[in-house]
Protein backbone atom coordinates (compact mmCIF):
# COMPACT_ATOMS: atom_id res chain seq x y z
CA UNK A 1 -37.96 85.21 -128.48
CA UNK A 2 -34.64 86.75 -129.41
CA UNK A 3 -34.21 90.45 -130.19
CA UNK A 4 -33.79 89.96 -133.94
CA UNK A 5 -37.02 87.99 -134.20
CA UNK A 6 -38.82 90.67 -132.18
CA UNK A 7 -37.60 93.34 -134.58
CA UNK A 8 -38.67 91.36 -137.64
CA UNK A 9 -42.14 90.93 -136.12
CA UNK A 10 -42.18 94.66 -135.32
CA UNK A 11 -41.36 95.46 -138.95
CA UNK A 12 -44.43 93.56 -140.12
CA UNK A 13 -46.56 95.21 -137.44
CA UNK A 14 -45.25 98.65 -138.42
CA UNK A 15 -46.22 98.05 -142.04
CA UNK A 16 -49.67 96.86 -141.00
CA UNK A 17 -50.11 99.96 -138.81
CA UNK A 18 -48.85 102.36 -141.51
CA UNK A 19 -46.36 103.76 -138.97
CA UNK A 20 -43.43 105.30 -140.83
CA UNK A 21 -41.38 106.24 -137.73
CA UNK A 22 -41.92 102.72 -136.34
CA UNK A 23 -40.82 101.11 -139.59
CA UNK A 24 -37.66 103.22 -139.78
CA UNK A 25 -36.77 102.41 -136.19
CA UNK A 26 -37.42 98.67 -136.41
CA UNK A 27 -35.58 98.28 -139.73
CA UNK A 28 -32.60 100.07 -138.18
CA UNK A 29 -32.71 97.86 -135.11
CA UNK A 30 -33.15 94.66 -137.15
CA UNK A 31 -30.05 95.57 -139.16
CA UNK A 32 -28.14 96.22 -135.93
CA UNK A 33 -29.13 92.73 -134.74
CA UNK A 34 -27.83 91.25 -137.99
CA UNK A 35 -30.92 90.91 -140.18
CA UNK A 36 -30.28 90.58 -143.87
CA UNK A 37 -32.27 92.47 -146.46
CA UNK A 38 -34.11 89.30 -147.49
CA UNK A 39 -35.46 88.81 -143.95
CA UNK A 40 -36.45 92.47 -143.68
CA UNK A 41 -38.25 92.35 -147.03
CA UNK A 42 -40.03 89.14 -145.99
CA UNK A 43 -41.25 90.87 -142.83
CA UNK A 44 -42.52 93.80 -144.90
CA UNK A 45 -44.38 91.42 -147.21
CA UNK A 46 -46.04 89.66 -144.28
CA UNK A 47 -47.17 93.03 -142.91
CA UNK A 48 -48.56 94.00 -146.31
CA UNK A 49 -50.43 90.70 -146.58
CA UNK A 50 -51.99 91.10 -143.13
CA UNK A 51 -52.95 94.70 -143.90
CA UNK A 52 -54.54 93.65 -147.19
CA UNK A 53 -56.48 90.87 -145.48
CA UNK A 54 -57.73 93.19 -142.78
CA UNK A 55 -58.83 95.72 -145.40
CA UNK A 56 -60.67 93.00 -147.29
CA UNK A 57 -62.66 92.09 -144.21
CA UNK A 58 -63.27 95.75 -143.38
CA UNK A 59 -64.51 96.41 -146.92
CA UNK A 60 -66.92 93.49 -146.55
CA UNK A 61 -68.16 95.00 -143.29
CA UNK A 62 -68.63 98.43 -144.90
CA UNK A 63 -70.53 96.86 -147.76
CA UNK A 64 -72.75 94.92 -145.36
CA UNK A 65 -73.78 98.00 -143.40
CA UNK A 66 -74.40 99.92 -146.62
CA UNK A 67 -76.62 97.20 -148.03
CA UNK A 68 -74.03 95.78 -150.40
CA UNK A 69 -74.07 98.87 -152.59
CA UNK A 70 -70.34 99.54 -152.36
CA UNK A 71 -67.73 97.79 -154.49
CA UNK A 72 -63.99 97.73 -153.92
CA UNK A 73 -60.87 96.89 -155.88
CA UNK A 74 -60.07 93.21 -156.33
CA UNK A 75 -58.67 91.95 -153.05
CA UNK A 76 -59.23 88.27 -153.68
CA UNK A 77 -55.68 87.21 -152.75
CA UNK A 78 -55.66 88.83 -149.31
CA UNK A 79 -54.61 87.21 -146.07
CA UNK A 80 -56.59 87.10 -142.79
CA UNK A 81 -59.37 85.00 -144.22
CA UNK A 82 -59.67 86.80 -147.55
CA UNK A 83 -60.48 84.36 -150.30
């Protein structure tokens, strides 16, 4: 995998992890390797989608251990198996 691709993946991972210093660093590095803003924004969107999907599944888990008494905001269009 080339360095630019690694940085674009790292951008998505940084968004998913809510790591501001990581995101700043990896955006800077992606730009240094020649990434355009469209590619950077696409990586951010993938990270947001993964994070939303993970939160959907976690909310389902929370609800299951609380006997289904908890409701959450609509997350019906999430990734990671959200439906």
